Amino acid sequence: MKDWRGFTDADPEQTSTRALIDSVSIEEDADLILIRVTGSHFLWKLVRRIVGVLVEAGRGTVSPEQISGLFSSTSGFPSHHTAPPSAFSSRCRLRFPPQTLSHQRQQALC
């Protein structure tokens, strides 16, 4: 579990800023760059900010060392580079064991 405080916005319903990100994969498919993020759960704007930081790394404006530092600071860098919602596919594919989330919460995720 990692504290993703710098990658999310304050949400009164969110009791913790910790989440386990299992993997981030990046693939090219013709003119698309596909980024798949898997984890225990996602905080508000977390994936959009991960993608935004990855884009900036690809542009060379942030180094891997600087990205590591984003976890221990509140620099605002991730929030200034949040990927726009239009950058994401309208497809939503989430897999959760039935016992992990209430039915109402599962429906709210997509």
C-alpha atoms as a PDB file:
ATOM      1  CA  MET A   1       0.000   0.000   0.000  1.00  0.00           C
ATOM      2  CA  LYS A   2       1.231   3.436  -0.906  1.00  0.00           C
ATOM      3  CA  ASP A   3      -0.043   6.841   0.129  1.00  0.00           C
ATOM      4  CA  TRP A   4      -1.365   8.546  -3.038  1.00  0.00           C
ATOM      5  CA  ARG A   5      -2.290  11.810  -1.278  1.00  0.00           C
ATOM      6  CA  GLY A   6      -0.500  13.912  -3.913  1.00  0.00           C
ATOM      7  CA  PHE A   7      -2.448  12.203  -6.706  1.00  0.00           C
ATOM      8  CA  THR A   8      -5.991  12.781  -5.456  1.00  0.00           C
ATOM      9  CA  ASP A   9      -8.344  15.567  -4.408  1.00  0.00           C
ATOM     10  CA  ALA A  10      -9.871  15.849  -0.986  1.00  0.00           C
ATOM     11  CA  ASP A  11     -13.022  13.746  -0.859  1.00  0.00           C
ATOM     12  CA  PRO A  12     -15.068  13.785   2.349  1.00  0.00           C
ATOM     13  CA  GLU A  13     -16.186  10.205   1.692  1.00  0.00           C
ATOM     14  CA  GLN A  14     -12.591   8.989   1.287  1.00  0.00           C
ATOM     15  CA  THR A  15     -11.220   7.888   4.645  1.00  0.00           C
ATOM     16  CA  SER A  16      -7.734   7.011   3.400  1.00  0.00           C
ATOM     17  CA  THR A  17      -5.401   8.083   0.621  1.00  0.00           C
ATOM     18  CA  ARG A  18      -3.678   4.715   0.563  1.00  0.00           C
ATOM     19  CA  ALA A  19      -4.193   2.238  -2.271  1.00  0.00           C
ATOM     20  CA  LEU A  20      -2.342  -0.725  -3.710  1.00  0.00           C
ATOM     21  CA  ILE A  21      -1.531  -0.325  -7.405  1.00  0.00           C
ATOM     22  CA  ASP A  22      -0.645  -3.801  -8.642  1.00  0.00           C
ATOM     23  CA  SER A  23       0.540  -2.823 -12.091  1.00  0.00           C
ATOM     24  CA  VAL A  24       0.731  -0.141 -14.729  1.00  0.00           C
ATOM     25  CA  SER A  25       1.251  -1.304 -18.303  1.00  0.00           C
ATOM     26  CA  ILE A  26       1.740   0.813 -21.401  1.00  0.00           C
ATOM     27  CA  GLU A  27       1.133  -0.468 -24.937  1.00  0.00           C
ATOM     28  CA  GLU A  28       1.025   1.121 -28.362  1.00  0.00           C
ATOM     29  CA  ASP A  29      -1.823   0.230 -30.706  1.00  0.00           C
ATOM     30  CA  ALA A  30      -1.590   2.147 -33.997  1.00  0.00           C
ATOM     31  CA  ASP A  31      -2.001   5.795 -33.028  1.00  0.00           C
ATOM     32  CA  LEU A  32      -3.152   5.020 -29.471  1.00  0.00           C
ATOM     33  CA  ILE A  33      -1.154   4.639 -26.307  1.00  0.00           C
ATOM     34  CA  LEU A  34      -3.003   2.281 -24.000  1.00  0.00           C
ATOM     35  CA  ILE A  35      -2.329   2.520 -20.280  1.00  0.00           C
ATOM     36  CA  ARG A  36      -3.805  -0.138 -18.022  1.00  0.00           C
ATOM     37  CA  VAL A  37      -3.779   0.413 -14.274  1.00  0.00           C
ATOM     38  CA  THR A  38      -4.795  -2.367 -11.906  1.00  0.00           C
ATOM     39  CA  GLY A  39      -5.088  -2.063  -8.165  1.00  0.00           C
ATOM     40  CA  SER A  40      -7.033  -2.605  -5.000  1.00  0.00           C
ATOM     41  CA  HIS A  41      -9.160   0.502  -5.558  1.00  0.00           C
ATOM     42  CA  PHE A  42      -8.809   3.961  -7.065  1.00  0.00           C
ATOM     43  CA  LEU A  43      -8.999   7.356  -5.428  1.00  0.00           C
ATOM     44  CA  TRP A  44     -10.681  10.372  -6.997  1.00  0.00           C
ATOM     45  CA  LYS A  45      -8.662  11.389 -10.114  1.00  0.00           C
ATOM     46  CA  LEU A  46      -5.865   8.949  -9.241  1.00  0.00           C
ATOM     47  CA  VAL A  47      -5.669   7.235 -12.640  1.00  0.00           C
ATOM     48  CA  ARG A  48      -5.979  10.512 -14.556  1.00  0.00           C
ATOM     49  CA  ARG A  49      -3.077  11.932 -12.540  1.00  0.00           C
ATOM     50  CA  ILE A  50      -0.933   8.823 -12.945  1.00  0.00           C
ATOM     51  CA  VAL A  51      -1.470   9.108 -16.710  1.00  0.00           C
ATOM     52  CA  GLY A  52      -0.699  12.836 -16.665  1.00  0.00           C
ATOM     53  CA  VAL A  53       2.571  12.258 -14.818  1.00  0.00           C
ATOM     54  CA  LEU A  54       3.494   9.463 -17.253  1.00  0.00           C
ATOM     55  CA  VAL A  55       2.845  11.826 -20.179  1.00  0.00           C
ATOM     56  CA  GLU A  56       5.142  14.419 -18.607  1.00  0.00           C
ATOM     57  CA  ALA A  57       7.803  11.742 -18.059  1.00  0.00           C
ATOM     58  CA  GLY A  58       7.514  10.843 -21.736  1.00  0.00           C
ATOM     59  CA  ARG A  59       7.978  14.501 -22.631  1.00  0.00           C
ATOM     60  CA  GLY A  60      11.067  14.644 -20.437  1.00  0.00           C
ATOM     61  CA  THR A  61       9.705  17.319 -18.097  1.00  0.00           C
ATOM     62  CA  VAL A  62       9.904  15.060 -15.027  1.00  0.00           C
ATOM     63  CA  SER A  63      12.481  12.397 -14.166  1.00  0.00           C
ATOM     64  CA  PRO A  64      11.885   9.041 -12.457  1.00  0.00           C
ATOM     65  CA  GLU A  65      13.585  10.447  -9.353  1.00  0.00           C
ATOM     66  CA  GLN A  66      11.202  13.405  -9.333  1.00  0.00           C
ATOM     67  CA  ILE A  67       8.227  11.077  -9.704  1.00  0.00           C
ATOM     68  CA  SER A  68       9.376   9.122  -6.632  1.00  0.00           C
ATOM     69  CA  GLY A  69       9.489  12.403  -4.746  1.00  0.00           C
ATOM     70  CA  LEU A  70       5.846  13.126  -5.553  1.00  0.00           C
ATOM     71  CA  PHE A  71       4.786  10.551  -2.968  1.00  0.00           C
ATOM     72  CA  SER A  72       6.514  12.382  -0.131  1.00  0.00           C
ATOM     73  CA  SER A  73       5.463  15.901  -1.066  1.00  0.00           C
ATOM     74  CA  THR A  74       2.385  17.937  -1.778  1.00  0.00           C
ATOM     75  CA  SER A  75       3.934  19.738  -4.753  1.00  0.00           C
ATOM     76  CA  GLY A  76       0.742  19.903  -6.776  1.00  0.00           C
ATOM     77  CA  PHE A  77       2.592  18.560  -9.838  1.00  0.00           C
ATOM     78  CA  PRO A  78       0.139  15.671 -10.408  1.00  0.00           C
ATOM     79  CA  SER A  79      -2.887  17.959 -10.085  1.00  0.00           C
ATOM     80  CA  HIS A  80      -1.419  20.392 -12.622  1.00  0.00           C
ATOM     81  CA  HIS A  81      -0.940  17.540 -15.109  1.00  0.00           C
ATOM     82  CA  THR A  82      -4.222  15.652 -14.689  1.00  0.00           C
ATOM     83  CA  ALA A  83      -5.152  13.947 -17.945  1.00  0.00           C
ATOM     84  CA  PRO A  84      -8.498  15.218 -19.260  1.00  0.00           C
ATOM     85  CA  PRO A  85     -11.479  12.871 -19.060  1.00  0.00           C
ATOM     86  CA  SER A  86     -11.757  13.020 -22.853  1.00  0.00           C
ATOM     87  CA  ALA A  87      -8.445  11.155 -23.063  1.00  0.00           C
ATOM     88  CA  PHE A  88     -10.073   8.014 -21.718  1.00  0.00           C
ATOM     89  CA  SER A  89     -12.102   5.360 -23.434  1.00  0.00           C
ATOM     90  CA  SER A  90     -15.745   5.201 -22.549  1.00  0.00           C
ATOM     91  CA  ARG A  91     -15.268   1.520 -21.785  1.00  0.00           C
ATOM     92  CA  CYS A  92     -15.049   0.635 -18.149  1.00  0.00           C
ATOM     93  CA  ARG A  93     -13.915  -2.808 -17.141  1.00  0.00           C
ATOM     94  CA  LEU A  94     -13.599  -3.479 -13.448  1.00  0.00           C
ATOM     95  CA  ARG A  95     -13.207  -6.846 -11.808  1.00  0.00           C
ATOM     96  CA  PHE A  96     -13.904  -7.204  -8.120  1.00  0.00           C
ATOM     97  CA  PRO A  97     -14.574 -10.258  -6.026  1.00  0.00           C
ATOM     98  CA  PRO A  98     -18.259  -9.970  -5.010  1.00  0.00           C
ATOM     99  CA  GLN A  99     -17.468  -9.765  -1.305  1.00  0.00           C
ATOM    100  CA  THR A 100     -15.152  -6.737  -1.616  1.00  0.00           C
ATOM    101  CA  LEU A 101     -17.698  -4.062  -2.494  1.00  0.00           C
ATOM    102  CA  SER A 102     -21.342  -3.530  -1.840  1.00  0.00           C
ATOM    103  CA  HIS A 103     -23.653  -3.797  -4.864  1.00  0.00           C
ATOM    104  CA  GLN A 104     -24.375  -0.059  -4.659  1.00  0.00           C
ATOM    105  CA  ARG A 105     -20.660   0.840  -4.673  1.00  0.00           C
ATOM    106  CA  GLN A 106     -19.949  -1.492  -7.627  1.00  0.00           C
ATOM    107  CA  GLN A 107     -22.606   0.270  -9.700  1.00  0.00           C
ATOM    108  CA  ALA A 108     -21.230   3.699  -8.778  1.00  0.00           C
ATOM    109  CA  LEU A 109     -17.761   2.865 -10.060  1.00  0.00           C
ATOM    110  CA  CYS A 110     -18.662   2.852 -13.761  1.00  0.00           C
END
